[in-house]
Amino acid sequence: MGLQLRATLGLDPWDAFHQGIAEHTSLSIGTVTIVVGAAALLLWIPLRQRPGLGTVSNVLVIGVTVDATLWLIPEPDALAVRIPMLVFAIVLCGAATGLYISARFGPGPRDGLMTGLHRRTGWSIRLVRTGIELAVLATGFALGGSVGVGTVLFALAIGPLSQFFLRVFAIPAPAGTGSGIVARGGVEPQVQDLI
C-alpha cells in the first residue's frame, strides 16, 4: 500500500477510499486503514465469518506499516522508478493475499468479505473481489481519493493475482478434516475451494 501511494500513479480502490476519508478527517491514511478494517469486521456478521489471528493482525499491523513505509520511503520523481514501484506493489499485494489466506489464520477484514461472499454465493473469487474493488473505488473517487492508471491496473489484476497466488501457496488441509479451520475459530472454505 505504501509503495503504491509513493508511486503516485493511482491508488488501489481501498486506498483511494482510505485516502478520501483521510482527506476529510485529521487521521493518517494508516489510521483510517485500521478504522475501516475494524468497521469491515461488522459486515462479517451476516456472512457468518469468524476472525482469526490473521484477521486481528491485519487490522492492527497494516495501517501502522503503511504509515511507517510512507515515513521511510521518499516519493520518487522519475517515472522510470514510479512505474516499476507500482507494478511491484500490485504483484506484492497479490502474493501477500495468497500467503496469508493460505496460512489459514483468518483473512483480513476486506478479504474476509471476499471469502465470505464467495462461500455464500458460490461466485468465483475473481468476480467477488473485482466487484468489491469497483464499489470501494467509486466511493473513494467520490471522496477525493487518488485515481489513475495504477487504480485501473490494480482493480483488474488483483482478482486474478490473488487466485494465482492462492494456488501457488496452497497448503493441503489436514487429513480427515474435510475443511480448512481458521485459527480454530470456525469453518472457512479450503484454499482449494477458493481457486
Foldseek 3Di string as FASTA:
>chain_A
DLLLVLLLFFDALVLLLLVLVVVVDVDDSLVSQLVVQVVLVVVCVVLVDDAFPQQVCCSPPPSVVNVVSNVPDHRDDDNVVSVVSLVVVLLVVLLVLLVVVQVQQGHYSVVSQLQSCCVVPVDASLVSQLVVRVVSNVNSVVSPGGGHPSHVCNSNVNSVSNLVNNVVSHDDAPPPPPARHHNVGDTTHHSVSND
